Structures are given as structure tokens and as C-alpha cells.
Amino acid sequence: MQLLIDLATMAVMFPGGIPATDLSLVRGDKIPLRVTLLDEGAPVTPSGSRPALAVKTALGDETLVLAATNLEPVDDALGPAYVGSLSVNTTQLIAAMNSAASIDLIGEVVLIAGDGSQ
């Protein structure tokens, strides 16, 4: 999956500028992820910072249902980006879903500096 993050607004979107608001996953999924940071519409690799995605049931909730951390910087034929995987935390997802067929989650995007600050 490829995601674009606008550094000015921290908006998360799919290629083509489509907002990333709906995503269907299955328990146990581990999805390859490519994150491209955009500065005024151009892909950039900020030195010393990496993106991290945390998906939870509510803002302020410490329990992560999905997470993408430790993304590695690359600069390949597709341009500068960070690659890794979006992991589904099965136990937390089962607890959050209870017996529901689907649930709404909220995502939080942060940039983590080399010293660990956000």
C-alpha cells in the first residue's frame, strides 16, 4: 500500500490525492507499506525524521490496533519514501471489535526525530 503524507497539513492520502479514510483489513494482515512525504506537493526525505502511523479506537487511547513504525528511508526509482509494513495487532483488534462485523478507527500520523521526539 502506498500512502502520501502532506507535511504542511499532515493529511494522509492515497496516490492521486484521494483521502485515506476507508481501508478494509482482515485480522492477521501484514501489509507492505510505502510512505511518501510531500512538501508543497513534491516528495521529500527530511533528514533525521521518520513517519510513524498509529491507528487506535480513539484519540488518547494508548492501545494500537494497527501500527507502522521503524519505517526505513529509501530513494529508488519511485523517488524518496519510507518503507516497512502496517501490522494488525490481532489481540487488540479482537478486543476492540468485540462481536461487531466492522469498527471505525482513528489514525494518528507523527514524525519522529532522530532523538525520539515527535
PDB file of N, CA and C in Angstrom:
ATOM      1  N   MET A   1       0.852  -1.153   0.000  1.00  0.00           N
ATOM      2  CA  MET A   1       0.000   0.000   0.000  1.00  0.00           C
ATOM      3  C   MET A   1       0.906   1.227   0.000  1.00  0.00           C
ATOM      4  N   GLN A   2       0.524   2.219  -0.772  1.00  0.00           N
ATOM      5  CA  GLN A   2       1.275   3.468  -0.822  1.00  0.00           C
ATOM      6  C   GLN A   2       0.432   4.584  -0.225  1.00  0.00           C
ATOM      7  N   LEU A   3       1.032   5.324   0.706  1.00  0.00           N
ATOM      8  CA  LEU A   3       0.375   6.473   1.327  1.00  0.00           C
ATOM      9  C   LEU A   3       1.230   7.708   1.114  1.00  0.00           C
ATOM     10  N   LEU A   4       0.571   8.839   0.926  1.00  0.00           N
ATOM     11  CA  LEU A   4       1.240  10.129   0.813  1.00  0.00           C
ATOM     12  C   LEU A   4       0.851  10.956   2.032  1.00  0.00           C
ATOM     13  N   ILE A   5       1.824  11.647   2.627  1.00  0.00           N
ATOM     14  CA  ILE A   5       1.539  12.500   3.776  1.00  0.00           C
ATOM     15  C   ILE A   5       2.023  13.902   3.456  1.00  0.00           C
ATOM     16  N   ASP A   6       1.093  14.852   3.490  1.00  0.00           N
ATOM     17  CA  ASP A   6       1.418  16.259   3.255  1.00  0.00           C
ATOM     18  C   ASP A   6       1.999  16.831   4.543  1.00  0.00           C
ATOM     19  N   LEU A   7       3.252  17.277   4.489  1.00  0.00           N
ATOM     20  CA  LEU A   7       3.910  17.780   5.693  1.00  0.00           C
ATOM     21  C   LEU A   7       3.280  19.058   6.236  1.00  0.00           C
ATOM     22  N   ALA A   8       2.656  19.854   5.395  1.00  0.00           N
ATOM     23  CA  ALA A   8       2.036  21.105   5.852  1.00  0.00           C
ATOM     24  C   ALA A   8       0.762  20.840   6.643  1.00  0.00           C
ATOM     25  N   THR A   9      -0.035  19.854   6.219  1.00  0.00           N
ATOM     26  CA  THR A   9      -1.327  19.602   6.857  1.00  0.00           C
ATOM     27  C   THR A   9      -1.391  18.269   7.595  1.00  0.00           C
ATOM     28  N   MET A  10      -0.390  17.391   7.365  1.00  0.00           N
ATOM     29  CA  MET A  10      -0.349  16.020   7.878  1.00  0.00           C
ATOM     30  C   MET A  10      -1.520  15.190   7.351  1.00  0.00           C
ATOM     31  N   ALA A  11      -2.113  15.622   6.239  1.00  0.00           N
ATOM     32  CA  ALA A  11      -3.183  14.851   5.605  1.00  0.00           C
ATOM     33  C   ALA A  11      -2.591  13.569   5.027  1.00  0.00           C
ATOM     34  N   VAL A  12      -3.291  12.475   5.205  1.00  0.00           N
ATOM     35  CA  VAL A  12      -2.868  11.180   4.679  1.00  0.00           C
ATOM     36  C   VAL A  12      -3.761  10.848   3.503  1.00  0.00           C
ATOM     37  N   MET A  13      -3.133  10.502   2.383  1.00  0.00           N
ATOM     38  CA  MET A  13      -3.914  10.196   1.179  1.00  0.00           C
ATOM     39  C   MET A  13      -3.258   9.078   0.391  1.00  0.00           C
ATOM     40  N   PHE A  14      -4.044   8.538  -0.508  1.00  0.00           N
ATOM     41  CA  PHE A  14      -3.540   7.562  -1.465  1.00  0.00           C
ATOM     42  C   PHE A  14      -3.039   8.326  -2.688  1.00  0.00           C
ATOM     43  N   PRO A  15      -2.245   7.682  -3.561  1.00  0.00           N
ATOM     44  CA  PRO A  15      -1.818   8.365  -4.791  1.00  0.00           C
ATOM     45  C   PRO A  15      -3.022   8.936  -5.535  1.00  0.00           C
ATOM     46  N   GLY A  16      -2.810  10.076  -6.168  1.00  0.00           N
ATOM     47  CA  GLY A  16      -3.892  10.763  -6.859  1.00  0.00           C
ATOM     48  C   GLY A  16      -4.608  11.745  -5.949  1.00  0.00           C
ATOM     49  N   GLY A  17      -4.153  11.876  -4.692  1.00  0.00           N
ATOM     50  CA  GLY A  17      -4.756  12.825  -3.770  1.00  0.00           C
ATOM     51  C   GLY A  17      -6.033  12.350  -3.111  1.00  0.00           C
ATOM     52  N   ILE A  18      -6.338  11.054  -3.198  1.00  0.00           N
ATOM     53  CA  ILE A  18      -7.563  10.513  -2.603  1.00  0.00           C
ATOM     54  C   ILE A  18      -7.358  10.369  -1.097  1.00  0.00           C
ATOM     55  N   PRO A  19      -8.180  11.038  -0.269  1.00  0.00           N
ATOM     56  CA  PRO A  19      -8.009  10.945   1.180  1.00  0.00           C
ATOM     57  C   PRO A  19      -8.090   9.502   1.667  1.00  0.00           C
ATOM     58  N   ALA A  20      -7.206   9.152   2.577  1.00  0.00           N
ATOM     59  CA  ALA A  20      -7.204   7.801   3.144  1.00  0.00           C
ATOM     60  C   ALA A  20      -8.184   7.766   4.307  1.00  0.00           C
ATOM     61  N   THR A  21      -9.433   7.531   3.979  1.00  0.00           N
ATOM     62  CA  THR A  21     -10.463   7.500   5.015  1.00  0.00           C
ATOM     63  C   THR A  21     -11.065   6.120   5.190  1.00  0.00           C
ATOM     64  N   ASP A  22     -11.000   5.276   4.179  1.00  0.00           N
ATOM     65  CA  ASP A  22     -11.588   3.939   4.266  1.00  0.00           C
ATOM     66  C   ASP A  22     -10.550   2.897   3.880  1.00  0.00           C
ATOM     67  N   LEU A  23     -10.432   1.892   4.721  1.00  0.00           N
ATOM     68  CA  LEU A  23      -9.492   0.814   4.477  1.00  0.00           C
ATOM     69  C   LEU A  23     -10.069  -0.438   5.105  1.00  0.00           C
ATOM     70  N   SER A  24     -10.128  -1.510   4.360  1.00  0.00           N
ATOM     71  CA  SER A  24     -10.638  -2.773   4.883  1.00  0.00           C
ATOM     72  C   SER A  24      -9.483  -3.737   5.065  1.00  0.00           C
ATOM     73  N   LEU A  25      -9.369  -4.279   6.260  1.00  0.00           N
ATOM     74  CA  LEU A  25      -8.307  -5.224   6.572  1.00  0.00           C
ATOM     75  C   LEU A  25      -8.888  -6.452   7.243  1.00  0.00           C
ATOM     76  N   VAL A  26      -8.123  -7.525   7.230  1.00  0.00           N
ATOM     77  CA  VAL A  26      -8.510  -8.780   7.856  1.00  0.00           C
ATOM     78  C   VAL A  26      -7.539  -9.052   8.992  1.00  0.00           C
ATOM     79  N   ARG A  27      -8.035  -9.602  10.095  1.00  0.00           N
ATOM     80  CA  ARG A  27      -7.151  -9.920  11.217  1.00  0.00           C
ATOM     81  C   ARG A  27      -5.947 -10.717  10.744  1.00  0.00           C
ATOM     82  N   GLY A  28      -4.778 -10.345  11.252  1.00  0.00           N
ATOM     83  CA  GLY A  28      -3.546 -11.045  10.908  1.00  0.00           C
ATOM     84  C   GLY A  28      -2.839 -10.487   9.688  1.00  0.00           C
ATOM     85  N   ASP A  29      -3.469  -9.525   8.994  1.00  0.00           N
ATOM     86  CA  ASP A  29      -2.825  -8.929   7.823  1.00  0.00           C
ATOM     87  C   ASP A  29      -1.522  -8.248   8.213  1.00  0.00           C
ATOM     88  N   LYS A  30      -0.545  -8.343   7.342  1.00  0.00           N
ATOM     89  CA  LYS A  30       0.683  -7.554   7.454  1.00  0.00           C
ATOM     90  C   LYS A  30       0.881  -6.981   6.064  1.00  0.00           C
ATOM     91  N   ILE A  31       0.703  -5.687   5.941  1.00  0.00           N
ATOM     92  CA  ILE A  31       0.625  -5.043   4.640  1.00  0.00           C
ATOM     93  C   ILE A  31       1.919  -4.299   4.338  1.00  0.00           C
ATOM     94  N   PRO A  32       2.555  -4.598   3.177  1.00  0.00           N
ATOM     95  CA  PRO A  32       3.719  -3.782   2.789  1.00  0.00           C
ATOM     96  C   PRO A  32       3.282  -2.331   2.654  1.00  0.00           C
ATOM     97  N   LEU A  33       4.107  -1.422   3.135  1.00  0.00           N
ATOM     98  CA  LEU A  33       3.728  -0.019   3.183  1.00  0.00           C
ATOM     99  C   LEU A  33       4.849   0.847   2.628  1.00  0.00           C
ATOM    100  N   ARG A  34       4.483   1.799   1.806  1.00  0.00           N
ATOM    101  CA  ARG A  34       5.406   2.808   1.287  1.00  0.00           C
ATOM    102  C   ARG A  34       4.793   4.162   1.601  1.00  0.00           C
ATOM    103  N   VAL A  35       5.499   4.980   2.360  1.00  0.00           N
ATOM    104  CA  VAL A  35       5.019   6.297   2.764  1.00  0.00           C
ATOM    105  C   VAL A  35       5.890   7.352   2.095  1.00  0.00           C
ATOM    106  N   THR A  36       5.249   8.243   1.358  1.00  0.00           N
ATOM    107  CA  THR A  36       5.955   9.352   0.719  1.00  0.00           C
ATOM    108  C   THR A  36       5.527  10.641   1.402  1.00  0.00           C
ATOM    109  N   LEU A  37       6.521  11.401   1.871  1.00  0.00           N
ATOM    110  CA  LEU A  37       6.247  12.695   2.487  1.00  0.00           C
ATOM    111  C   LEU A  37       6.285  13.766   1.410  1.00  0.00           C
ATOM    112  N   LEU A  38       5.294  14.658   1.420  1.00  0.00           N
ATOM    113  CA  LEU A  38       5.196  15.707   0.413  1.00  0.00           C
ATOM    114  C   LEU A  38       5.393  17.078   1.047  1.00  0.00           C
ATOM    115  N   ASP A  39       6.265  17.868   0.444  1.00  0.00           N
ATOM    116  CA  ASP A  39       6.459  19.256   0.846  1.00  0.00           C
ATOM    117  C   ASP A  39       6.103  20.104  -0.358  1.00  0.00           C
ATOM    118  N   GLU A  40       4.990  20.828  -0.252  1.00  0.00           N
ATOM    119  CA  GLU A  40       4.446  21.614  -1.362  1.00  0.00           C
ATOM    120  C   GLU A  40       4.246  20.740  -2.609  1.00  0.00           C
ATOM    121  N   GLY A  41       3.769  19.519  -2.387  1.00  0.00           N
ATOM    122  CA  GLY A  41       3.437  18.604  -3.470  1.00  0.00           C
ATOM    123  C   GLY A  41       4.584  17.774  -4.002  1.00  0.00           C
ATOM    124  N   ALA A  42       5.815  18.054  -3.570  1.00  0.00           N
ATOM    125  CA  ALA A  42       6.979  17.306  -4.059  1.00  0.00           C
ATOM    126  C   ALA A  42       7.452  16.313  -3.002  1.00  0.00           C
ATOM    127  N   PRO A  43       7.791  15.085  -3.422  1.00  0.00           N
ATOM    128  CA  PRO A  43       8.297  14.093  -2.468  1.00  0.00           C
ATOM    129  C   PRO A  43       9.627  14.533  -1.859  1.00  0.00           C
ATOM    130  N   VAL A  44       9.750  14.359  -0.542  1.00  0.00           N
ATOM    131  CA  VAL A  44      10.985  14.721   0.166  1.00  0.00           C
ATOM    132  C   VAL A  44      11.331  13.652   1.196  1.00  0.00           C
ATOM    133  N   THR A  45      12.583  13.616   1.562  1.00  0.00           N
ATOM    134  CA  THR A  45      13.036  12.770   2.659  1.00  0.00           C
ATOM    135  C   THR A  45      13.698  13.680   3.677  1.00  0.00           C
ATOM    136  N   PRO A  46      12.938  14.132   4.700  1.00  0.00           N
ATOM    137  CA  PRO A  46      13.542  15.013   5.689  1.00  0.00           C
ATOM    138  C   PRO A  46      14.664  14.293   6.424  1.00  0.00           C
ATOM    139  N   SER A  47      15.769  14.960   6.591  1.00  0.00           N
ATOM    140  CA  SER A  47      16.889  14.315   7.254  1.00  0.00           C
ATOM    141  C   SER A  47      16.599  14.196   8.744  1.00  0.00           C
ATOM    142  N   GLY A  48      16.836  13.010   9.259  1.00  0.00           N
ATOM    143  CA  GLY A  48      16.691  12.776  10.686  1.00  0.00           C
ATOM    144  C   GLY A  48      15.281  12.527  11.180  1.00  0.00           C
ATOM    145  N   SER A  49      14.257  12.591  10.329  1.00  0.00           N
ATOM    146  CA  SER A  49      12.878  12.344  10.761  1.00  0.00           C
ATOM    147  C   SER A  49      12.299  11.161  10.011  1.00  0.00           C
ATOM    148  N   ARG A  50      11.434  10.427  10.694  1.00  0.00           N
ATOM    149  CA  ARG A  50      10.727   9.311  10.070  1.00  0.00           C
ATOM    150  C   ARG A  50       9.253   9.380  10.447  1.00  0.00           C
ATOM    151  N   PRO A  51       8.386   9.001   9.532  1.00  0.00           N
ATOM    152  CA  PRO A  51       6.962   8.976   9.885  1.00  0.00           C
ATOM    153  C   PRO A  51       6.627   7.720  10.688  1.00  0.00           C
ATOM    154  N   ALA A  52       5.591   7.815  11.476  1.00  0.00           N
ATOM    155  CA  ALA A  52       5.030   6.661  12.174  1.00  0.00           C
ATOM    156  C   ALA A  52       3.519   6.814  12.135  1.00  0.00           C
ATOM    157  N   LEU A  53       2.825   5.710  11.946  1.00  0.00           N
ATOM    158  CA  LEU A  53       1.367   5.711  11.916  1.00  0.00           C
ATOM    159  C   LEU A  53       0.863   4.890  13.093  1.00  0.00           C
ATOM    160  N   ALA A  54      -0.090   5.436  13.817  1.00  0.00           N
ATOM    161  CA  ALA A  54      -0.715   4.727  14.925  1.00  0.00           C
ATOM    162  C   ALA A  54      -2.219   4.767  14.708  1.00  0.00           C
ATOM    163  N   VAL A  55      -2.829   3.613  14.692  1.00  0.00           N
ATOM    164  CA  VAL A  55      -4.278   3.537  14.481  1.00  0.00           C
ATOM    165  C   VAL A  55      -4.901   2.934  15.733  1.00  0.00           C
ATOM    166  N   LYS A  56      -5.874   3.657  16.303  1.00  0.00           N
ATOM    167  CA  LYS A  56      -6.475   3.280  17.571  1.00  0.00           C
ATOM    168  C   LYS A  56      -7.984   3.453  17.523  1.00  0.00           C
ATOM    169  N   THR A  57      -8.641   3.093  18.600  1.00  0.00           N
ATOM    170  CA  THR A  57     -10.097   3.237  18.635  1.00  0.00           C
ATOM    171  C   THR A  57     -10.516   4.663  18.948  1.00  0.00           C
ATOM    172  N   ALA A  58      -9.642   5.442  19.614  1.00  0.00           N
ATOM    173  CA  ALA A  58      -9.967   6.829  19.962  1.00  0.00           C
ATOM    174  C   ALA A  58      -8.677   7.600  20.204  1.00  0.00           C
ATOM    175  N   LEU A  59      -8.709   8.916  19.970  1.00  0.00           N
ATOM    176  CA  LEU A  59      -7.560   9.750  20.289  1.00  0.00           C
ATOM    177  C   LEU A  59      -7.251   9.633  21.778  1.00  0.00           C
ATOM    178  N   GLY A  60      -5.996   9.590  22.114  1.00  0.00           N
ATOM    179  CA  GLY A  60      -5.602   9.464  23.506  1.00  0.00           C
ATOM    180  C   GLY A  60      -5.535   8.033  23.992  1.00  0.00           C
ATOM    181  N   ASP A  61      -6.113   7.089  23.245  1.00  0.00           N
ATOM    182  CA  ASP A  61      -6.046   5.679  23.601  1.00  0.00           C
ATOM    183  C   ASP A  61      -4.633   5.187  23.323  1.00  0.00           C
ATOM    184  N   GLU A  62      -4.032   4.519  24.273  1.00  0.00           N
ATOM    185  CA  GLU A  62      -2.657   4.032  24.104  1.00  0.00           C
ATOM    186  C   GLU A  62      -2.601   2.691  23.383  1.00  0.00           C
ATOM    187  N   THR A  63      -3.729   2.004  23.248  1.00  0.00           N
ATOM    188  CA  THR A  63      -3.758   0.692  22.610  1.00  0.00           C
ATOM    189  C   THR A  63      -3.773   0.845  21.095  1.00  0.00           C
ATOM    190  N   LEU A  64      -2.745   0.325  20.451  1.00  0.00           N
ATOM    191  CA  LEU A  64      -2.660   0.409  18.998  1.00  0.00           C
ATOM    192  C   LEU A  64      -3.300  -0.816  18.362  1.00  0.00           C
ATOM    193  N   VAL A  65      -4.232  -0.583  17.458  1.00  0.00           N
ATOM    194  CA  VAL A  65      -4.862  -1.668  16.717  1.00  0.00           C
ATOM    195  C   VAL A  65      -4.039  -1.966  15.466  1.00  0.00           C
ATOM    196  N   LEU A  66      -3.523  -0.921  14.841  1.00  0.00           N
ATOM    197  CA  LEU A  66      -2.624  -1.043  13.688  1.00  0.00           C
ATOM    198  C   LEU A  66      -1.443  -0.122  13.957  1.00  0.00           C
ATOM    199  N   ALA A  67      -0.280  -0.509  13.464  1.00  0.00           N
ATOM    200  CA  ALA A  67       0.885   0.339  13.673  1.00  0.00           C
ATOM    201  C   ALA A  67       1.872   0.185  12.533  1.00  0.00           C
ATOM    202  N   ALA A  68       2.517   1.277  12.194  1.00  0.00           N
ATOM    203  CA  ALA A  68       3.619   1.278  11.229  1.00  0.00           C
ATOM    204  C   ALA A  68       4.707   2.156  11.830  1.00  0.00           C
ATOM    205  N   THR A  69       5.731   1.507  12.369  1.00  0.00           N
ATOM    206  CA  THR A  69       6.846   2.218  12.970  1.00  0.00           C
ATOM    207  C   THR A  69       8.139   1.663  12.391  1.00  0.00           C
ATOM    208  N   ASN A  70       9.232   2.303  12.691  1.00  0.00           N
ATOM    209  CA  ASN A  70      10.544   1.874  12.200  1.00  0.00           C
ATOM    210  C   ASN A  70      10.593   1.757  10.679  1.00  0.00           C
ATOM    211  N   LEU A  71       9.922   2.682  10.004  1.00  0.00           N
ATOM    212  CA  LEU A  71       9.959   2.692   8.547  1.00  0.00           C
ATOM    213  C   LEU A  71      11.354   3.131   8.092  1.00  0.00           C
ATOM    214  N   GLU A  72      11.880   2.447   7.091  1.00  0.00           N
ATOM    215  CA  GLU A  72      13.232   2.710   6.597  1.00  0.00           C
ATOM    216  C   GLU A  72      13.203   3.650   5.398  1.00  0.00           C
ATOM    217  N   PRO A  73      14.090   4.651   5.366  1.00  0.00           N
ATOM    218  CA  PRO A  73      14.136   5.552   4.207  1.00  0.00           C
ATOM    219  C   PRO A  73      14.744   4.862   2.989  1.00  0.00           C
ATOM    220  N   VAL A  74      14.171   5.134   1.823  1.00  0.00           N
ATOM    221  CA  VAL A  74      14.693   4.656   0.539  1.00  0.00           C
ATOM    222  C   VAL A  74      14.628   5.816  -0.449  1.00  0.00           C
ATOM    223  N   ASP A  75      15.449   5.745  -1.454  1.00  0.00           N
ATOM    224  CA  ASP A  75      15.360   6.675  -2.577  1.00  0.00           C
ATOM    225  C   ASP A  75      15.625   5.837  -3.807  1.00  0.00           C
ATOM    226  N   ASP A  76      14.552   5.342  -4.408  1.00  0.00           N
ATOM    227  CA  ASP A  76      14.670   4.421  -5.528  1.00  0.00           C
ATOM    228  C   ASP A  76      14.022   5.014  -6.778  1.00  0.00           C
ATOM    229  N   ALA A  77      13.713   4.175  -7.733  1.00  0.00           N
ATOM    230  CA  ALA A  77      13.130   4.634  -8.996  1.00  0.00           C
ATOM    231  C   ALA A  77      11.795   5.356  -8.795  1.00  0.00           C
ATOM    232  N   LEU A  78      11.107   5.086  -7.687  1.00  0.00           N
ATOM    233  CA  LEU A  78       9.828   5.746  -7.399  1.00  0.00           C
ATOM    234  C   LEU A  78      10.008   7.045  -6.631  1.00  0.00           C
ATOM    235  N   GLY A  79      11.246   7.358  -6.238  1.00  0.00           N
ATOM    236  CA  GLY A  79      11.520   8.594  -5.501  1.00  0.00           C
ATOM    237  C   GLY A  79      11.756   8.335  -4.034  1.00  0.00           C
ATOM    238  N   PRO A  80      11.982   9.403  -3.260  1.00  0.00           N
ATOM    239  CA  PRO A  80      12.234   9.238  -1.830  1.00  0.00           C
ATOM    240  C   PRO A  80      10.964   8.815  -1.091  1.00  0.00           C
ATOM    241  N   ALA A  81      11.128   7.883  -0.157  1.00  0.00           N
ATOM    242  CA  ALA A  81       9.992   7.380   0.614  1.00  0.00           C
ATOM    243  C   ALA A  81      10.511   6.620   1.828  1.00  0.00           C
ATOM    244  N   TYR A  82       9.581   6.130   2.611  1.00  0.00           N
ATOM    245  CA  TYR A  82       9.882   5.263   3.743  1.00  0.00           C
ATOM    246  C   TYR A  82       9.114   3.970   3.520  1.00  0.00           C
ATOM    247  N   VAL A  83       9.764   2.835   3.775  1.00  0.00           N
ATOM    248  CA  VAL A  83       9.112   1.556   3.548  1.00  0.00           C
ATOM    249  C   VAL A  83       9.135   0.709   4.818  1.00  0.00           C
ATOM    250  N   GLY A  84       8.164  -0.141   4.923  1.00  0.00           N
ATOM    251  CA  GLY A  84       8.024  -1.043   6.059  1.00  0.00           C
ATOM    252  C   GLY A  84       6.710  -1.768   5.904  1.00  0.00           C
ATOM    253  N   SER A  85       6.049  -2.026   7.009  1.00  0.00           N
ATOM    254  CA  SER A  85       4.757  -2.690   6.916  1.00  0.00           C
ATOM    255  C   SER A  85       3.797  -2.154   7.962  1.00  0.00           C
ATOM    256  N   LEU A  86       2.528  -2.220   7.615  1.00  0.00           N
ATOM    257  CA  LEU A  86       1.447  -1.845   8.520  1.00  0.00           C
ATOM    258  C   LEU A  86       0.982  -3.142   9.152  1.00  0.00           C
ATOM    259  N   SER A  87       1.160  -3.271  10.445  1.00  0.00           N
ATOM    260  CA  SER A  87       0.834  -4.516  11.130  1.00  0.00           C
ATOM    261  C   SER A  87      -0.486  -4.403  11.883  1.00  0.00           C
ATOM    262  N   VAL A  88      -1.274  -5.460  11.798  1.00  0.00           N
ATOM    263  CA  VAL A  88      -2.521  -5.551  12.537  1.00  0.00           C
ATOM    264  C   VAL A  88      -2.220  -6.240  13.860  1.00  0.00           C
ATOM    265  N   ASN A  89      -2.479  -5.557  14.970  1.00  0.00           N
ATOM    266  CA  ASN A  89      -2.286  -6.151  16.296  1.00  0.00           C
ATOM    267  C   ASN A  89      -3.539  -6.963  16.621  1.00  0.00           C
ATOM    268  N   THR A  90      -3.469  -8.248  16.339  1.00  0.00           N
ATOM    269  CA  THR A  90      -4.643  -9.127  16.371  1.00  0.00           C
ATOM    270  C   THR A  90      -5.377  -9.098  17.706  1.00  0.00           C
ATOM    271  N   THR A  91      -4.669  -9.230  18.805  1.00  0.00           N
ATOM    272  CA  THR A  91      -5.326  -9.270  20.113  1.00  0.00           C
ATOM    273  C   THR A  91      -6.090  -7.986  20.381  1.00  0.00           C
ATOM    274  N   GLN A  92      -5.461  -6.837  20.090  1.00  0.00           N
ATOM    275  CA  GLN A  92      -6.113  -5.553  20.317  1.00  0.00           C
ATOM    276  C   GLN A  92      -7.305  -5.362  19.380  1.00  0.00           C
ATOM    277  N   LEU A  93      -7.174  -5.832  18.134  1.00  0.00           N
ATOM    278  CA  LEU A  93      -8.279  -5.709  17.183  1.00  0.00           C
ATOM    279  C   LEU A  93      -9.475  -6.542  17.634  1.00  0.00           C
ATOM    280  N   ILE A  94      -9.232  -7.751  18.071  1.00  0.00           N
ATOM    281  CA  ILE A  94     -10.325  -8.617  18.542  1.00  0.00           C
ATOM    282  C   ILE A  94     -11.034  -7.959  19.727  1.00  0.00           C
ATOM    283  N   ALA A  95     -10.265  -7.406  20.661  1.00  0.00           N
ATOM    284  CA  ALA A  95     -10.865  -6.747  21.831  1.00  0.00           C
ATOM    285  C   ALA A  95     -11.668  -5.524  21.413  1.00  0.00           C
ATOM    286  N   ALA A  96     -11.147  -4.739  20.479  1.00  0.00           N
ATOM    287  CA  ALA A  96     -11.842  -3.529  20.031  1.00  0.00           C
ATOM    288  C   ALA A  96     -13.116  -3.866  19.279  1.00  0.00           C
ATOM    289  N   MET A  97     -13.088  -4.934  18.499  1.00  0.00           N
ATOM    290  CA  MET A  97     -14.259  -5.295  17.690  1.00  0.00           C
ATOM    291  C   MET A  97     -15.355  -5.944  18.512  1.00  0.00           C
ATOM    292  N   ASN A  98     -14.984  -6.635  19.602  1.00  0.00           N
ATOM    293  CA  ASN A  98     -15.944  -7.391  20.383  1.00  0.00           C
ATOM    294  C   ASN A  98     -16.656  -8.344  19.443  1.00  0.00           C
ATOM    295  N   SER A  99     -17.918  -8.171  19.153  1.00  0.00           N
ATOM    296  CA  SER A  99     -18.608  -9.068  18.219  1.00  0.00           C
ATOM    297  C   SER A  99     -19.064  -8.326  16.963  1.00  0.00           C
ATOM    298  N   ALA A 100     -18.609  -7.080  16.791  1.00  0.00           N
ATOM    299  CA  ALA A 100     -19.022  -6.278  15.632  1.00  0.00           C
ATOM    300  C   ALA A 100     -18.380  -6.811  14.348  1.00  0.00           C
ATOM    301  N   ALA A 101     -19.073  -6.640  13.240  1.00  0.00           N
ATOM    302  CA  ALA A 101     -18.545  -7.055  11.941  1.00  0.00           C
ATOM    303  C   ALA A 101     -17.471  -6.090  11.443  1.00  0.00           C
ATOM    304  N   SER A 102     -17.567  -4.822  11.850  1.00  0.00           N
ATOM    305  CA  SER A 102     -16.562  -3.820  11.482  1.00  0.00           C
ATOM    306  C   SER A 102     -16.559  -2.721  12.534  1.00  0.00           C
ATOM    307  N   ILE A 103     -15.477  -1.955  12.572  1.00  0.00           N
ATOM    308  CA  ILE A 103     -15.388  -0.854  13.529  1.00  0.00           C
ATOM    309  C   ILE A 103     -14.732   0.349  12.860  1.00  0.00           C
ATOM    310  N   ASP A 104     -14.980   1.514  13.419  1.00  0.00           N
ATOM    311  CA  ASP A 104     -14.319   2.733  12.976  1.00  0.00           C
ATOM    312  C   ASP A 104     -13.099   2.951  13.854  1.00  0.00           C
ATOM    313  N   LEU A 105     -12.001   3.329  13.227  1.00  0.00           N
ATOM    314  CA  LEU A 105     -10.769   3.611  13.942  1.00  0.00           C
ATOM    315  C   LEU A 105     -10.286   4.993  13.569  1.00  0.00           C
ATOM    316  N   ILE A 106      -9.367   5.528  14.344  1.00  0.00           N
ATOM    317  CA  ILE A 106      -8.794   6.831  14.040  1.00  0.00           C
ATOM    318  C   ILE A 106      -7.284   6.667  13.919  1.00  0.00           C
ATOM    319  N   GLY A 107      -6.717   7.333  12.924  1.00  0.00           N
ATOM    320  CA  GLY A 107      -5.282   7.246  12.705  1.00  0.00           C
ATOM    321  C   GLY A 107      -4.580   8.510  13.143  1.00  0.00           C
ATOM    322  N   GLU A 108      -3.379   8.336  13.633  1.00  0.00           N
ATOM    323  CA  GLU A 108      -2.552   9.457  14.050  1.00  0.00           C
ATOM    324  C   GLU A 108      -1.214   9.325  13.329  1.00  0.00           C
ATOM    325  N   VAL A 109      -0.775  10.408  12.718  1.00  0.00           N
ATOM    326  CA  VAL A 109       0.490  10.434  11.997  1.00  0.00           C
ATOM    327  C   VAL A 109       1.442  11.334  12.769  1.00  0.00           C
ATOM    328  N   VAL A 110       2.644  10.839  13.029  1.00  0.00           N
ATOM    329  CA  VAL A 110       3.640  11.672  13.681  1.00  0.00           C
ATOM    330  C   VAL A 110       4.952  11.537  12.940  1.00  0.00           C
ATOM    331  N   LEU A 111       5.783  12.563  13.043  1.00  0.00           N
ATOM    332  CA  LEU A 111       7.149  12.491  12.546  1.00  0.00           C
ATOM    333  C   LEU A 111       8.044  12.340  13.759  1.00  0.00           C
ATOM    334  N   ILE A 112       8.910  11.348  13.728  1.00  0.00           N
ATOM    335  CA  ILE A 112       9.788  11.073  14.851  1.00  0.00           C
ATOM    336  C   ILE A 112      11.202  11.497  14.464  1.00  0.00           C
ATOM    337  N   ALA A 113      11.766  12.388  15.247  1.00  0.00           N
ATOM    338  CA  ALA A 113      13.129  12.872  15.002  1.00  0.00           C
ATOM    339  C   ALA A 113      14.137  11.821  15.456  1.00  0.00           C
ATOM    340  N   GLY A 114      15.378  11.983  15.059  1.00  0.00           N
ATOM    341  CA  GLY A 114      16.429  11.045  15.424  1.00  0.00           C
ATOM    342  C   GLY A 114      16.597  10.862  16.924  1.00  0.00           C
ATOM    343  N   ASP A 115      16.257  11.887  17.721  1.00  0.00           N
ATOM    344  CA  ASP A 115      16.389  11.796  19.172  1.00  0.00           C
ATOM    345  C   ASP A 115      15.144  11.194  19.828  1.00  0.00           C
ATOM    346  N   GLY A 116      14.155  10.778  19.012  1.00  0.00           N
ATOM    347  CA  GLY A 116      12.935  10.160  19.520  1.00  0.00           C
ATOM    348  C   GLY A 116      11.802  11.129  19.784  1.00  0.00           C
ATOM    349  N   SER A 117      12.039  12.421  19.671  1.00  0.00           N
ATOM    350  CA  SER A 117      10.968  13.394  19.902  1.00  0.00           C
ATOM    351  C   SER A 117      10.009  13.410  18.718  1.00  0.00           C
ATOM    352  N   GLN A 118       8.759  13.813  19.006  1.00  0.00           N
ATOM    353  CA  GLN A 118       7.731  13.845  17.964  1.00  0.00           C
ATOM    354  C   GLN A 118       7.440  15.260  17.549  1.00  0.00           C
TER     355      GLN A 118
END
